[in-house]
């Protein structure tokens, strides 16, 4: 990324946006509620004018998966993914292509392991 983008991500403006984002704090692709990153779906011309609706929540794994899906000839996917639903579709397709475990199966295992009545 550019030096301006790096400066913005380290700024108080980004931290404020990160803490005040109104959508539920869960990954739009897999619904987990931890290791979340605020992902830019749309970059305004002036990065310092980013609004909450330019971003969505992705967990670290889905965020990395999204960026792997949008490389090379498939860079156009990034321009298409202008809302949370499209971002989730790309992540799910990439997980399938990489022959990763389906998100639902992973979530079921996590919920099973986190159930308080098993402890």
PDB file of N, CA and C in Angstrom:
ATOM      1  N   UNK A   1       0.836  -1.187   0.000  1.00  0.00           N
ATOM      2  CA  UNK A   1       0.000   0.000   0.000  1.00  0.00           C
ATOM      3  C   UNK A   1       0.878   1.247   0.000  1.00  0.00           C
ATOM      4  N   UNK A   2       0.243   2.375  -0.109  1.00  0.00           N
ATOM      5  CA  UNK A   2       0.965   3.642  -0.180  1.00  0.00           C
ATOM      6  C   UNK A   2       1.334   4.142   1.218  1.00  0.00           C
ATOM      7  N   UNK A   3       2.317   5.034   1.309  1.00  0.00           N
ATOM      8  CA  UNK A   3       2.663   5.625   2.606  1.00  0.00           C
ATOM      9  C   UNK A   3       1.466   6.363   3.228  1.00  0.00           C
ATOM     10  N   UNK A   4       0.640   6.998   2.372  1.00  0.00           N
ATOM     11  CA  UNK A   4      -0.543   7.703   2.893  1.00  0.00           C
ATOM     12  C   UNK A   4      -1.525   6.721   3.534  1.00  0.00           C
ATOM     13  N   UNK A   5      -1.726   5.566   2.892  1.00  0.00           N
ATOM     14  CA  UNK A   5      -2.619   4.534   3.443  1.00  0.00           C
ATOM     15  C   UNK A   5      -2.067   4.030   4.775  1.00  0.00           C
ATOM     16  N   UNK A   6      -0.773   3.746   4.817  1.00  0.00           N
ATOM     17  CA  UNK A   6      -0.152   3.274   6.061  1.00  0.00           C
ATOM     18  C   UNK A   6      -0.316   4.295   7.183  1.00  0.00           C
ATOM     19  N   UNK A   7      -0.146   5.574   6.852  1.00  0.00           N
ATOM     20  CA  UNK A   7      -0.322   6.636   7.855  1.00  0.00           C
ATOM     21  C   UNK A   7      -1.762   6.667   8.347  1.00  0.00           C
ATOM     22  N   UNK A   8      -2.717   6.492   7.425  1.00  0.00           N
ATOM     23  CA  UNK A   8      -4.127   6.513   7.813  1.00  0.00           C
ATOM     24  C   UNK A   8      -4.464   5.338   8.737  1.00  0.00           C
ATOM     25  N   UNK A   9      -3.989   4.142   8.416  1.00  0.00           N
ATOM     26  CA  UNK A   9      -4.298   2.956   9.217  1.00  0.00           C
ATOM     27  C   UNK A   9      -3.742   3.093  10.638  1.00  0.00           C
ATOM     28  N   UNK A  10      -2.683   3.868  10.805  1.00  0.00           N
ATOM     29  CA  UNK A  10      -2.097   4.084  12.134  1.00  0.00           C
ATOM     30  C   UNK A  10      -2.679   5.315  12.839  1.00  0.00           C
ATOM     31  N   UNK A  11      -3.595   6.009  12.195  1.00  0.00           N
ATOM     32  CA  UNK A  11      -4.107   7.272  12.733  1.00  0.00           C
ATOM     33  C   UNK A  11      -5.227   7.074  13.753  1.00  0.00           C
ATOM     34  N   UNK A  12      -5.478   8.146  14.491  1.00  0.00           N
ATOM     35  CA  UNK A  12      -6.607   8.153  15.429  1.00  0.00           C
ATOM     36  C   UNK A  12      -7.937   8.086  14.690  1.00  0.00           C
ATOM     37  N   UNK A  13      -8.001   8.652  13.466  1.00  0.00           N
ATOM     38  CA  UNK A  13      -9.233   8.592  12.675  1.00  0.00           C
ATOM     39  C   UNK A  13      -9.635   7.138  12.408  1.00  0.00           C
ATOM     40  N   UNK A  14      -8.667   6.310  12.002  1.00  0.00           N
ATOM     41  CA  UNK A  14      -8.950   4.898  11.726  1.00  0.00           C
ATOM     42  C   UNK A  14      -9.347   4.172  13.007  1.00  0.00           C
ATOM     43  N   UNK A  15      -8.645   4.464  14.096  1.00  0.00           N
ATOM     44  CA  UNK A  15      -8.968   3.816  15.379  1.00  0.00           C
ATOM     45  C   UNK A  15     -10.380   4.174  15.824  1.00  0.00           C
ATOM     46  N   UNK A  16     -10.771   5.428  15.596  1.00  0.00           N
ATOM     47  CA  UNK A  16     -12.124   5.855  15.946  1.00  0.00           C
ATOM     48  C   UNK A  16     -13.149   5.134  15.085  1.00  0.00           C
ATOM     49  N   UNK A  17     -12.913   5.081  13.779  1.00  0.00           N
ATOM     50  CA  UNK A  17     -13.819   4.370  12.871  1.00  0.00           C
ATOM     51  C   UNK A  17     -13.919   2.902  13.279  1.00  0.00           C
ATOM     52  N   UNK A  18     -12.787   2.314  13.616  1.00  0.00           N
ATOM     53  CA  UNK A  18     -12.735   0.906  14.021  1.00  0.00           C
ATOM     54  C   UNK A  18     -13.591   0.671  15.264  1.00  0.00           C
ATOM     55  N   UNK A  19     -13.518   1.586  16.220  1.00  0.00           N
ATOM     56  CA  UNK A  19     -14.265   1.402  17.464  1.00  0.00           C
ATOM     57  C   UNK A  19     -15.732   1.795  17.344  1.00  0.00           C
ATOM     58  N   UNK A  20     -16.077   2.634  16.375  1.00  0.00           N
ATOM     59  CA  UNK A  20     -17.450   3.137  16.263  1.00  0.00           C
ATOM     60  C   UNK A  20     -18.251   2.484  15.139  1.00  0.00           C
ATOM     61  N   UNK A  21     -17.678   1.537  14.404  1.00  0.00           N
ATOM     62  CA  UNK A  21     -18.386   0.917  13.274  1.00  0.00           C
ATOM     63  C   UNK A  21     -19.694   0.308  13.777  1.00  0.00           C
ATOM     64  N   UNK A  22     -20.839   0.679  13.187  1.00  0.00           N
ATOM     65  CA  UNK A  22     -22.138   0.289  13.742  1.00  0.00           C
ATOM     66  C   UNK A  22     -22.592  -1.140  13.465  1.00  0.00           C
ATOM     67  N   UNK A  23     -22.007  -1.806  12.490  1.00  0.00           N
ATOM     68  CA  UNK A  23     -22.499  -3.148  12.181  1.00  0.00           C
ATOM     69  C   UNK A  23     -22.074  -4.136  13.266  1.00  0.00           C
ATOM     70  N   UNK A  24     -22.761  -5.284  13.349  1.00  0.00           N
ATOM     71  CA  UNK A  24     -22.389  -6.274  14.367  1.00  0.00           C
ATOM     72  C   UNK A  24     -20.926  -6.675  14.228  1.00  0.00           C
ATOM     73  N   UNK A  25     -20.279  -6.859  15.345  1.00  0.00           N
ATOM     74  CA  UNK A  25     -18.863  -7.233  15.327  1.00  0.00           C
ATOM     75  C   UNK A  25     -18.728  -8.721  15.085  1.00  0.00           C
ATOM     76  N   UNK A  26     -18.917  -9.080  13.825  1.00  0.00           N
ATOM     77  CA  UNK A  26     -18.722 -10.467  13.412  1.00  0.00           C
ATOM     78  C   UNK A  26     -18.295 -10.482  11.946  1.00  0.00           C
ATOM     79  N   UNK A  27     -17.564 -11.502  11.587  1.00  0.00           N
ATOM     80  CA  UNK A  27     -17.082 -11.645  10.223  1.00  0.00           C
ATOM     81  C   UNK A  27     -18.274 -11.818   9.277  1.00  0.00           C
ATOM     82  N   UNK A  28     -18.293 -11.049   8.187  1.00  0.00           N
ATOM     83  CA  UNK A  28     -19.409 -11.135   7.245  1.00  0.00           C
ATOM     84  C   UNK A  28     -19.418 -12.458   6.488  1.00  0.00           C
ATOM     85  N   UNK A  29     -18.289 -13.167   6.456  1.00  0.00           N
ATOM     86  CA  UNK A  29     -18.214 -14.431   5.718  1.00  0.00           C
ATOM     87  C   UNK A  29     -18.486 -15.642   6.587  1.00  0.00           C
ATOM     88  N   UNK A  30     -18.016 -15.618   7.851  1.00  0.00           N
ATOM     89  CA  UNK A  30     -18.143 -16.839   8.662  1.00  0.00           C
ATOM     90  C   UNK A  30     -18.784 -16.606  10.030  1.00  0.00           C
ATOM     91  N   UNK A  31     -19.094 -15.366  10.363  1.00  0.00           N
ATOM     92  CA  UNK A  31     -19.799 -14.995  11.589  1.00  0.00           C
ATOM     93  C   UNK A  31     -19.008 -15.159  12.876  1.00  0.00           C
ATOM     94  N   UNK A  32     -17.703 -15.417  12.826  1.00  0.00           N
ATOM     95  CA  UNK A  32     -16.940 -15.478  14.072  1.00  0.00           C
ATOM     96  C   UNK A  32     -16.829 -14.077  14.643  1.00  0.00           C
ATOM     97  N   UNK A  33     -16.584 -13.989  15.936  1.00  0.00           N
ATOM     98  CA  UNK A  33     -16.584 -12.693  16.614  1.00  0.00           C
ATOM     99  C   UNK A  33     -15.231 -12.337  17.230  1.00  0.00           C
ATOM    100  N   UNK A  34     -14.172 -12.960  16.781  1.00  0.00           N
ATOM    101  CA  UNK A  34     -12.841 -12.664  17.321  1.00  0.00           C
ATOM    102  C   UNK A  34     -11.841 -12.540  16.171  1.00  0.00           C
ATOM    103  N   UNK A  35     -10.668 -11.961  16.471  1.00  0.00           N
ATOM    104  CA  UNK A  35      -9.630 -11.701  15.462  1.00  0.00           C
ATOM    105  C   UNK A  35     -10.195 -10.961  14.255  1.00  0.00           C
ATOM    106  N   UNK A  36     -10.988  -9.932  14.515  1.00  0.00           N
ATOM    107  CA  UNK A  36     -11.648  -9.198  13.432  1.00  0.00           C
ATOM    108  C   UNK A  36     -10.781  -8.071  12.897  1.00  0.00           C
ATOM    109  N   UNK A  37     -10.911  -7.839  11.605  1.00  0.00           N
ATOM    110  CA  UNK A  37     -10.255  -6.727  10.931  1.00  0.00           C
ATOM    111  C   UNK A  37     -11.317  -5.934  10.189  1.00  0.00           C
ATOM    112  N   UNK A  38     -11.182  -4.645  10.209  1.00  0.00           N
ATOM    113  CA  UNK A  38     -12.082  -3.795   9.443  1.00  0.00           C
ATOM    114  C   UNK A  38     -11.508  -3.721   8.027  1.00  0.00           C
ATOM    115  N   UNK A  39     -12.251  -4.253   7.066  1.00  0.00           N
ATOM    116  CA  UNK A  39     -11.795  -4.382   5.685  1.00  0.00           C
ATOM    117  C   UNK A  39     -12.431  -3.304   4.815  1.00  0.00           C
ATOM    118  N   UNK A  40     -11.601  -2.591   4.061  1.00  0.00           N
ATOM    119  CA  UNK A  40     -12.110  -1.599   3.110  1.00  0.00           C
ATOM    120  C   UNK A  40     -12.755  -2.312   1.924  1.00  0.00           C
ATOM    121  N   UNK A  41     -14.034  -2.079   1.709  1.00  0.00           N
ATOM    122  CA  UNK A  41     -14.693  -2.564   0.495  1.00  0.00           C
ATOM    123  C   UNK A  41     -14.535  -1.532  -0.614  1.00  0.00           C
ATOM    124  N   UNK A  42     -14.575  -0.268  -0.233  1.00  0.00           N
ATOM    125  CA  UNK A  42     -14.465   0.850  -1.168  1.00  0.00           C
ATOM    126  C   UNK A  42     -13.429   1.818  -0.604  1.00  0.00           C
ATOM    127  N   UNK A  43     -12.529   2.264  -1.454  1.00  0.00           N
ATOM    128  CA  UNK A  43     -11.561   3.285  -1.050  1.00  0.00           C
ATOM    129  C   UNK A  43     -12.001   4.629  -1.603  1.00  0.00           C
ATOM    130  N   UNK A  44     -12.290   5.589  -0.732  1.00  0.00           N
ATOM    131  CA  UNK A  44     -12.610   6.921  -1.238  1.00  0.00           C
ATOM    132  C   UNK A  44     -11.369   7.539  -1.885  1.00  0.00           C
ATOM    133  N   UNK A  45     -11.566   8.523  -2.737  1.00  0.00           N
ATOM    134  CA  UNK A  45     -10.413   9.164  -3.392  1.00  0.00           C
ATOM    135  C   UNK A  45      -9.432   9.706  -2.368  1.00  0.00           C
ATOM    136  N   UNK A  46      -9.960  10.261  -1.294  1.00  0.00           N
ATOM    137  CA  UNK A  46      -9.124  10.734  -0.187  1.00  0.00           C
ATOM    138  C   UNK A  46      -9.306   9.742   0.963  1.00  0.00           C
ATOM    139  N   UNK A  47      -8.291   8.953   1.225  1.00  0.00           N
ATOM    140  CA  UNK A  47      -8.390   7.895   2.242  1.00  0.00           C
ATOM    141  C   UNK A  47      -8.803   8.448   3.605  1.00  0.00           C
ATOM    142  N   UNK A  48      -8.490   9.718   3.856  1.00  0.00           N
ATOM    143  CA  UNK A  48      -8.827  10.328   5.138  1.00  0.00           C
ATOM    144  C   UNK A  48     -10.328  10.605   5.268  1.00  0.00           C
ATOM    145  N   UNK A  49     -11.076  10.398   4.196  1.00  0.00           N
ATOM    146  CA  UNK A  49     -12.530  10.592   4.235  1.00  0.00           C
ATOM    147  C   UNK A  49     -13.276   9.261   4.279  1.00  0.00           C
ATOM    148  N   UNK A  50     -12.624   8.216   4.739  1.00  0.00           N
ATOM    149  CA  UNK A  50     -13.274   6.912   4.860  1.00  0.00           C
ATOM    150  C   UNK A  50     -14.443   7.008   5.839  1.00  0.00           C
ATOM    151  N   UNK A  51     -15.572   6.426   5.451  1.00  0.00           N
ATOM    152  CA  UNK A  51     -16.760   6.364   6.301  1.00  0.00           C
ATOM    153  C   UNK A  51     -17.013   4.911   6.694  1.00  0.00           C
ATOM    154  N   UNK A  52     -17.840   4.688   7.695  1.00  0.00           N
ATOM    155  CA  UNK A  52     -18.083   3.326   8.178  1.00  0.00           C
ATOM    156  C   UNK A  52     -18.646   2.434   7.081  1.00  0.00           C
ATOM    157  N   UNK A  53     -19.451   2.981   6.177  1.00  0.00           N
ATOM    158  CA  UNK A  53     -20.080   2.167   5.131  1.00  0.00           C
ATOM    159  C   UNK A  53     -19.113   1.786   4.009  1.00  0.00           C
ATOM    160  N   UNK A  54     -17.882   2.267   4.069  1.00  0.00           N
ATOM    161  CA  UNK A  54     -16.845   1.828   3.131  1.00  0.00           C
ATOM    162  C   UNK A  54     -16.208   0.515   3.585  1.00  0.00           C
ATOM    163  N   UNK A  55     -16.535   0.067   4.782  1.00  0.00           N
ATOM    164  CA  UNK A  55     -15.831  -1.062   5.398  1.00  0.00           C
ATOM    165  C   UNK A  55     -16.790  -2.141   5.882  1.00  0.00           C
ATOM    166  N   UNK A  56     -16.243  -3.333   6.086  1.00  0.00           N
ATOM    167  CA  UNK A  56     -16.993  -4.417   6.717  1.00  0.00           C
ATOM    168  C   UNK A  56     -16.022  -5.217   7.587  1.00  0.00           C
ATOM    169  N   UNK A  57     -16.568  -6.020   8.477  1.00  0.00           N
ATOM    170  CA  UNK A  57     -15.742  -6.840   9.353  1.00  0.00           C
ATOM    171  C   UNK A  57     -15.417  -8.173   8.694  1.00  0.00           C
ATOM    172  N   UNK A  58     -14.146  -8.563   8.750  1.00  0.00           N
ATOM    173  CA  UNK A  58     -13.696  -9.891   8.346  1.00  0.00           C
ATOM    174  C   UNK A  58     -12.766 -10.414   9.431  1.00  0.00           C
ATOM    175  N   UNK A  59     -12.870 -11.691   9.732  1.00  0.00           N
ATOM    176  CA  UNK A  59     -11.903 -12.275  10.664  1.00  0.00           C
ATOM    177  C   UNK A  59     -10.561 -12.363   9.935  1.00  0.00           C
ATOM    178  N   UNK A  60      -9.509 -12.588  10.680  1.00  0.00           N
ATOM    179  CA  UNK A  60      -8.172 -12.617  10.090  1.00  0.00           C
ATOM    180  C   UNK A  60      -8.067 -13.651   8.968  1.00  0.00           C
ATOM    181  N   UNK A  61      -8.612 -14.856   9.190  1.00  0.00           N
ATOM    182  CA  UNK A  61      -8.543 -15.909   8.182  1.00  0.00           C
ATOM    183  C   UNK A  61      -9.295 -15.558   6.915  1.00  0.00           C
ATOM    184  N   UNK A  62     -10.504 -15.031   7.047  1.00  0.00           N
ATOM    185  CA  UNK A  62     -11.300 -14.658   5.876  1.00  0.00           C
ATOM    186  C   UNK A  62     -10.705 -13.435   5.175  1.00  0.00           C
ATOM    187  N   UNK A  63     -10.118 -12.522   5.935  1.00  0.00           N
ATOM    188  CA  UNK A  63      -9.464 -11.353   5.343  1.00  0.00           C
ATOM    189  C   UNK A  63      -8.301 -11.798   4.465  1.00  0.00           C
ATOM    190  N   UNK A  64      -7.472 -12.689   4.984  1.00  0.00           N
ATOM    191  CA  UNK A  64      -6.357 -13.213   4.192  1.00  0.00           C
ATOM    192  C   UNK A  64      -6.871 -13.979   2.971  1.00  0.00           C
ATOM    193  N   UNK A  65      -7.923 -14.750   3.168  1.00  0.00           N
ATOM    194  CA  UNK A  65      -8.526 -15.527   2.082  1.00  0.00           C
ATOM    195  C   UNK A  65      -9.048 -14.593   0.989  1.00  0.00           C
ATOM    196  N   UNK A  66      -9.691 -13.512   1.371  1.00  0.00           N
ATOM    197  CA  UNK A  66     -10.208 -12.539   0.401  1.00  0.00           C
ATOM    198  C   UNK A  66      -9.070 -11.987  -0.452  1.00  0.00           C
ATOM    199  N   UNK A  67      -7.976 -11.607   0.193  1.00  0.00           N
ATOM    200  CA  UNK A  67      -6.871 -11.018  -0.558  1.00  0.00           C
ATOM    201  C   UNK A  67      -6.153 -12.047  -1.428  1.00  0.00           C
ATOM    202  N   UNK A  68      -6.123 -13.300  -1.031  1.00  0.00           N
ATOM    203  CA  UNK A  68      -5.581 -14.349  -1.901  1.00  0.00           C
ATOM    204  C   UNK A  68      -6.465 -14.529  -3.135  1.00  0.00           C
ATOM    205  N   UNK A  69      -7.781 -14.365  -2.950  1.00  0.00           N
ATOM    206  CA  UNK A  69      -8.730 -14.534  -4.058  1.00  0.00           C
ATOM    207  C   UNK A  69      -8.625 -13.398  -5.072  1.00  0.00           C
ATOM    208  N   UNK A  70      -8.138 -12.249  -4.643  1.00  0.00           N
ATOM    209  CA  UNK A  70      -8.137 -11.052  -5.494  1.00  0.00           C
ATOM    210  C   UNK A  70      -6.739 -10.706  -5.986  1.00  0.00           C
ATOM    211  N   UNK A  71      -6.025 -11.705  -6.478  1.00  0.00           N
ATOM    212  CA  UNK A  71      -4.684 -11.463  -6.997  1.00  0.00           C
ATOM    213  C   UNK A  71      -4.640 -11.805  -8.486  1.00  0.00           C
ATOM    214  N   UNK A  72      -3.618 -11.310  -9.145  1.00  0.00           N
ATOM    215  CA  UNK A  72      -3.413 -11.632 -10.555  1.00  0.00           C
ATOM    216  C   UNK A  72      -4.583 -11.238 -11.426  1.00  0.00           C
ATOM    217  N   UNK A  73      -5.025 -12.186 -12.252  1.00  0.00           N
ATOM    218  CA  UNK A  73      -6.128 -11.923 -13.181  1.00  0.00           C
ATOM    219  C   UNK A  73      -7.441 -11.681 -12.444  1.00  0.00           C
ATOM    220  N   UNK A  74      -7.527 -12.114 -11.212  1.00  0.00           N
ATOM    221  CA  UNK A  74      -8.772 -11.953 -10.456  1.00  0.00           C
ATOM    222  C   UNK A  74      -8.790 -10.676  -9.620  1.00  0.00           C
ATOM    223  N   UNK A  75      -7.884  -9.761  -9.900  1.00  0.00           N
ATOM    224  CA  UNK A  75      -7.867  -8.487  -9.193  1.00  0.00           C
ATOM    225  C   UNK A  75      -9.182  -7.742  -9.388  1.00  0.00           C
ATOM    226  N   UNK A  76      -9.871  -8.015 -10.501  1.00  0.00           N
ATOM    227  CA  UNK A  76     -11.159  -7.366 -10.770  1.00  0.00           C
ATOM    228  C   UNK A  76     -12.197  -7.702  -9.695  1.00  0.00           C
ATOM    229  N   UNK A  77     -12.037  -8.832  -8.991  1.00  0.00           N
ATOM    230  CA  UNK A  77     -12.973  -9.192  -7.921  1.00  0.00           C
ATOM    231  C   UNK A  77     -13.001  -8.116  -6.849  1.00  0.00           C
ATOM    232  N   UNK A  78     -11.845  -7.525  -6.586  1.00  0.00           N
ATOM    233  CA  UNK A  78     -11.762  -6.509  -5.544  1.00  0.00           C
ATOM    234  C   UNK A  78     -12.656  -5.322  -5.891  1.00  0.00           C
ATOM    235  N   UNK A  79     -12.676  -4.927  -7.162  1.00  0.00           N
ATOM    236  CA  UNK A  79     -13.519  -3.813  -7.592  1.00  0.00           C
ATOM    237  C   UNK A  79     -15.003  -4.187  -7.539  1.00  0.00           C
ATOM    238  N   UNK A  80     -15.316  -5.466  -7.737  1.00  0.00           N
ATOM    239  CA  UNK A  80     -16.703  -5.933  -7.710  1.00  0.00           C
ATOM    240  C   UNK A  80     -17.240  -6.016  -6.289  1.00  0.00           C
ATOM    241  N   UNK A  81     -16.377  -6.276  -5.331  1.00  0.00           N
ATOM    242  CA  UNK A  81     -16.795  -6.534  -3.945  1.00  0.00           C
ATOM    243  C   UNK A  81     -17.055  -5.237  -3.194  1.00  0.00           C
ATOM    244  N   UNK A  82     -18.132  -4.564  -3.563  1.00  0.00           N
ATOM    245  CA  UNK A  82     -18.443  -3.263  -2.979  1.00  0.00           C
ATOM    246  C   UNK A  82     -19.447  -3.326  -1.838  1.00  0.00           C
ATOM    247  N   UNK A  83     -19.880  -4.526  -1.459  1.00  0.00           N
ATOM    248  CA  UNK A  83     -20.737  -4.672  -0.280  1.00  0.00           C
ATOM    249  C   UNK A  83     -20.371  -5.959   0.440  1.00  0.00           C
ATOM    250  N   UNK A  84     -20.848  -6.074   1.665  1.00  0.00           N
ATOM    251  CA  UNK A  84     -20.454  -7.194   2.520  1.00  0.00           C
ATOM    252  C   UNK A  84     -20.862  -8.540   1.932  1.00  0.00           C
ATOM    253  N   UNK A  85     -22.014  -8.602   1.270  1.00  0.00           N
ATOM    254  CA  UNK A  85     -22.475  -9.863   0.687  1.00  0.00           C
ATOM    255  C   UNK A  85     -21.492 -10.350  -0.372  1.00  0.00           C
ATOM    256  N   UNK A  86     -21.026  -9.444  -1.238  1.00  0.00           N
ATOM    257  CA  UNK A  86     -20.082  -9.826  -2.294  1.00  0.00           C
ATOM    258  C   UNK A  86     -18.735 -10.238  -1.714  1.00  0.00           C
ATOM    259  N   UNK A  87     -18.295  -9.553  -0.679  1.00  0.00           N
ATOM    260  CA  UNK A  87     -17.048  -9.934  -0.004  1.00  0.00           C
ATOM    261  C   UNK A  87     -17.174 -11.360   0.525  1.00  0.00           C
ATOM    262  N   UNK A  88     -18.289 -11.658   1.175  1.00  0.00           N
ATOM    263  CA  UNK A  88     -18.517 -13.001   1.716  1.00  0.00           C
ATOM    264  C   UNK A  88     -18.543 -14.049   0.611  1.00  0.00           C
ATOM    265  N   UNK A  89     -19.155 -13.742  -0.530  1.00  0.00           N
ATOM    266  CA  UNK A  89     -19.205 -14.680  -1.651  1.00  0.00           C
ATOM    267  C   UNK A  89     -17.801 -15.020  -2.158  1.00  0.00           C
ATOM    268  N   UNK A  90     -16.950 -14.017  -2.263  1.00  0.00           N
ATOM    269  CA  UNK A  90     -15.580 -14.242  -2.731  1.00  0.00           C
ATOM    270  C   UNK A  90     -14.811 -15.118  -1.745  1.00  0.00           C
ATOM    271  N   UNK A  91     -14.950 -14.832  -0.463  1.00  0.00           N
ATOM    272  CA  UNK A  91     -14.249 -15.625   0.558  1.00  0.00           C
ATOM    273  C   UNK A  91     -14.702 -17.076   0.499  1.00  0.00           C
ATOM    274  N   UNK A  92     -15.998 -17.291   0.429  1.00  0.00           N
ATOM    275  CA  UNK A  92     -16.519 -18.667   0.401  1.00  0.00           C
ATOM    276  C   UNK A  92     -16.060 -19.417  -0.843  1.00  0.00           C
ATOM    277  N   UNK A  93     -16.037 -18.755  -1.987  1.00  0.00           N
ATOM    278  CA  UNK A  93     -15.574 -19.396  -3.223  1.00  0.00           C
ATOM    279  C   UNK A  93     -14.086 -19.734  -3.132  1.00  0.00           C
ATOM    280  N   UNK A  94     -13.301 -18.832  -2.551  1.00  0.00           N
ATOM    281  CA  UNK A  94     -11.870 -19.078  -2.418  1.00  0.00           C
ATOM    282  C   UNK A  94     -11.599 -20.255  -1.476  1.00  0.00           C
ATOM    283  N   UNK A  95     -12.340 -20.328  -0.384  1.00  0.00           N
ATOM    284  CA  UNK A  95     -12.168 -21.446   0.552  1.00  0.00           C
ATOM    285  C   UNK A  95     -12.467 -22.760  -0.153  1.00  0.00           C
ATOM    286  N   UNK A  96     -13.499 -22.760  -0.984  1.00  0.00           N
ATOM    287  CA  UNK A  96     -13.856 -23.976  -1.725  1.00  0.00           C
ATOM    288  C   UNK A  96     -12.756 -24.329  -2.727  1.00  0.00           C
ATOM    289  N   UNK A  97     -12.246 -23.317  -3.433  1.00  0.00           N
ATOM    290  CA  UNK A  97     -11.194 -23.539  -4.420  1.00  0.00           C
ATOM    291  C   UNK A  97      -9.918 -24.078  -3.763  1.00  0.00           C
ATOM    292  N   UNK A  98      -9.607 -23.592  -2.577  1.00  0.00           N
ATOM    293  CA  UNK A  98      -8.406 -24.036  -1.868  1.00  0.00           C
ATOM    294  C   UNK A  98      -8.644 -25.347  -1.129  1.00  0.00           C
ATOM    295  N   UNK A  99      -9.844 -25.900  -1.302  1.00  0.00           N
ATOM    296  CA  UNK A  99     -10.219 -27.148  -0.656  1.00  0.00           C
ATOM    297  C   UNK A  99     -10.097 -27.053   0.860  1.00  0.00           C
ATOM    298  N   UNK A 100     -10.450 -25.882   1.370  1.00  0.00           N
ATOM    299  CA  UNK A 100     -10.461 -25.689   2.813  1.00  0.00           C
ATOM    300  C   UNK A 100     -11.785 -26.207   3.352  1.00  0.00           C
ATOM    301  N   UNK A 101     -11.802 -26.477   4.610  1.00  0.00           N
ATOM    302  CA  UNK A 101     -13.031 -26.943   5.245  1.00  0.00           C
ATOM    303  C   UNK A 101     -14.114 -25.883   5.078  1.00  0.00           C
ATOM    304  N   UNK A 102     -15.346 -26.287   4.761  1.00  0.00           N
ATOM    305  CA  UNK A 102     -16.424 -25.293   4.647  1.00  0.00           C
ATOM    306  C   UNK A 102     -16.565 -24.497   5.934  1.00  0.00           C
ATOM    307  N   UNK A 103     -16.895 -23.240   5.787  1.00  0.00           N
ATOM    308  CA  UNK A 103     -17.003 -22.363   6.950  1.00  0.00           C
ATOM    309  C   UNK A 103     -17.994 -22.912   7.966  1.00  0.00           C
ATOM    310  N   UNK A 104     -19.119 -23.423   7.499  1.00  0.00           N
ATOM    311  CA  UNK A 104     -20.131 -23.946   8.419  1.00  0.00           C
ATOM    312  C   UNK A 104     -19.600 -25.082   9.285  1.00  0.00           C
ATOM    313  N   UNK A 105     -18.799 -25.969   8.708  1.00  0.00           N
ATOM    314  CA  UNK A 105     -18.229 -27.081   9.467  1.00  0.00           C
ATOM    315  C   UNK A 105     -17.262 -26.566  10.515  1.00  0.00           C
ATOM    316  N   UNK A 106     -16.462 -25.589  10.153  1.00  0.00           N
ATOM    317  CA  UNK A 106     -15.519 -24.995  11.106  1.00  0.00           C
ATOM    318  C   UNK A 106     -16.278 -24.353  12.252  1.00  0.00           C
ATOM    319  N   UNK A 107     -17.331 -23.616  11.939  1.00  0.00           N
ATOM    320  CA  UNK A 107     -18.121 -22.963  12.983  1.00  0.00           C
ATOM    321  C   UNK A 107     -18.782 -23.977  13.901  1.00  0.00           C
ATOM    322  N   UNK A 108     -19.296 -25.043  13.328  1.00  0.00           N
ATOM    323  CA  UNK A 108     -19.942 -26.070  14.148  1.00  0.00           C
ATOM    324  C   UNK A 108     -18.943 -26.661  15.135  1.00  0.00           C
ATOM    325  N   UNK A 109     -17.731 -26.919  14.691  1.00  0.00           N
ATOM    326  CA  UNK A 109     -16.701 -27.451  15.591  1.00  0.00           C
ATOM    327  C   UNK A 109     -16.374 -26.455  16.687  1.00  0.00           C
ATOM    328  N   UNK A 110     -16.247 -25.178  16.311  1.00  0.00           N
ATOM    329  CA  UNK A 110     -15.911 -24.160  17.308  1.00  0.00           C
ATOM    330  C   UNK A 110     -17.021 -24.019  18.329  1.00  0.00           C
ATOM    331  N   UNK A 111     -18.252 -24.016  17.871  1.00  0.00           N
ATOM    332  CA  UNK A 111     -19.369 -23.891  18.807  1.00  0.00           C
ATOM    333  C   UNK A 111     -19.441 -25.099  19.726  1.00  0.00           C
ATOM    334  N   UNK A 112     -19.163 -26.270  19.182  1.00  0.00           N
ATOM    335  CA  UNK A 112     -19.167 -27.490  19.985  1.00  0.00           C
ATOM    336  C   UNK A 112     -18.098 -27.394  21.069  1.00  0.00           C
ATOM    337  N   UNK A 113     -16.918 -26.941  20.698  1.00  0.00           N
ATOM    338  CA  UNK A 113     -15.818 -26.863  21.658  1.00  0.00           C
ATOM    339  C   UNK A 113     -16.007 -25.743  22.673  1.00  0.00           C
ATOM    340  N   UNK A 114     -16.777 -24.715  22.327  1.00  0.00           N
ATOM    341  CA  UNK A 114     -16.973 -23.582  23.218  1.00  0.00           C
ATOM    342  C   UNK A 114     -18.189 -23.713  24.123  1.00  0.00           C
ATOM    343  N   UNK A 115     -18.953 -24.758  23.957  1.00  0.00           N
ATOM    344  CA  UNK A 115     -20.167 -24.887  24.765  1.00  0.00           C
ATOM    345  C   UNK A 115     -19.816 -25.007  26.235  1.00  0.00           C
ATOM    346  N   UNK A 116     -20.424 -24.141  27.024  1.00  0.00           N
ATOM    347  CA  UNK A 116     -20.095 -24.076  28.455  1.00  0.00           C
ATOM    348  C   UNK A 116     -20.555 -25.332  29.201  1.00  0.00           C
ATOM    349  N   UNK A 117     -21.602 -25.991  28.708  1.00  0.00           N
ATOM    350  CA  UNK A 117     -22.110 -27.162  29.439  1.00  0.00           C
ATOM    351  C   UNK A 117     -21.212 -28.386  29.273  1.00  0.00           C
ATOM    352  N   UNK A 118     -20.179 -28.295  28.414  1.00  0.00           N
ATOM    353  CA  UNK A 118     -19.239 -29.412  28.263  1.00  0.00           C
ATOM    354  C   UNK A 118     -18.105 -29.320  29.272  1.00  0.00           C
ATOM    355  N   UNK A 119     -17.979 -28.221  29.936  1.00  0.00           N
ATOM    356  CA  UNK A 119     -16.847 -28.012  30.864  1.00  0.00           C
ATOM    357  C   UNK A 119     -17.178 -28.436  32.255  1.00  0.00           C
TER     358      UNK A 119
END
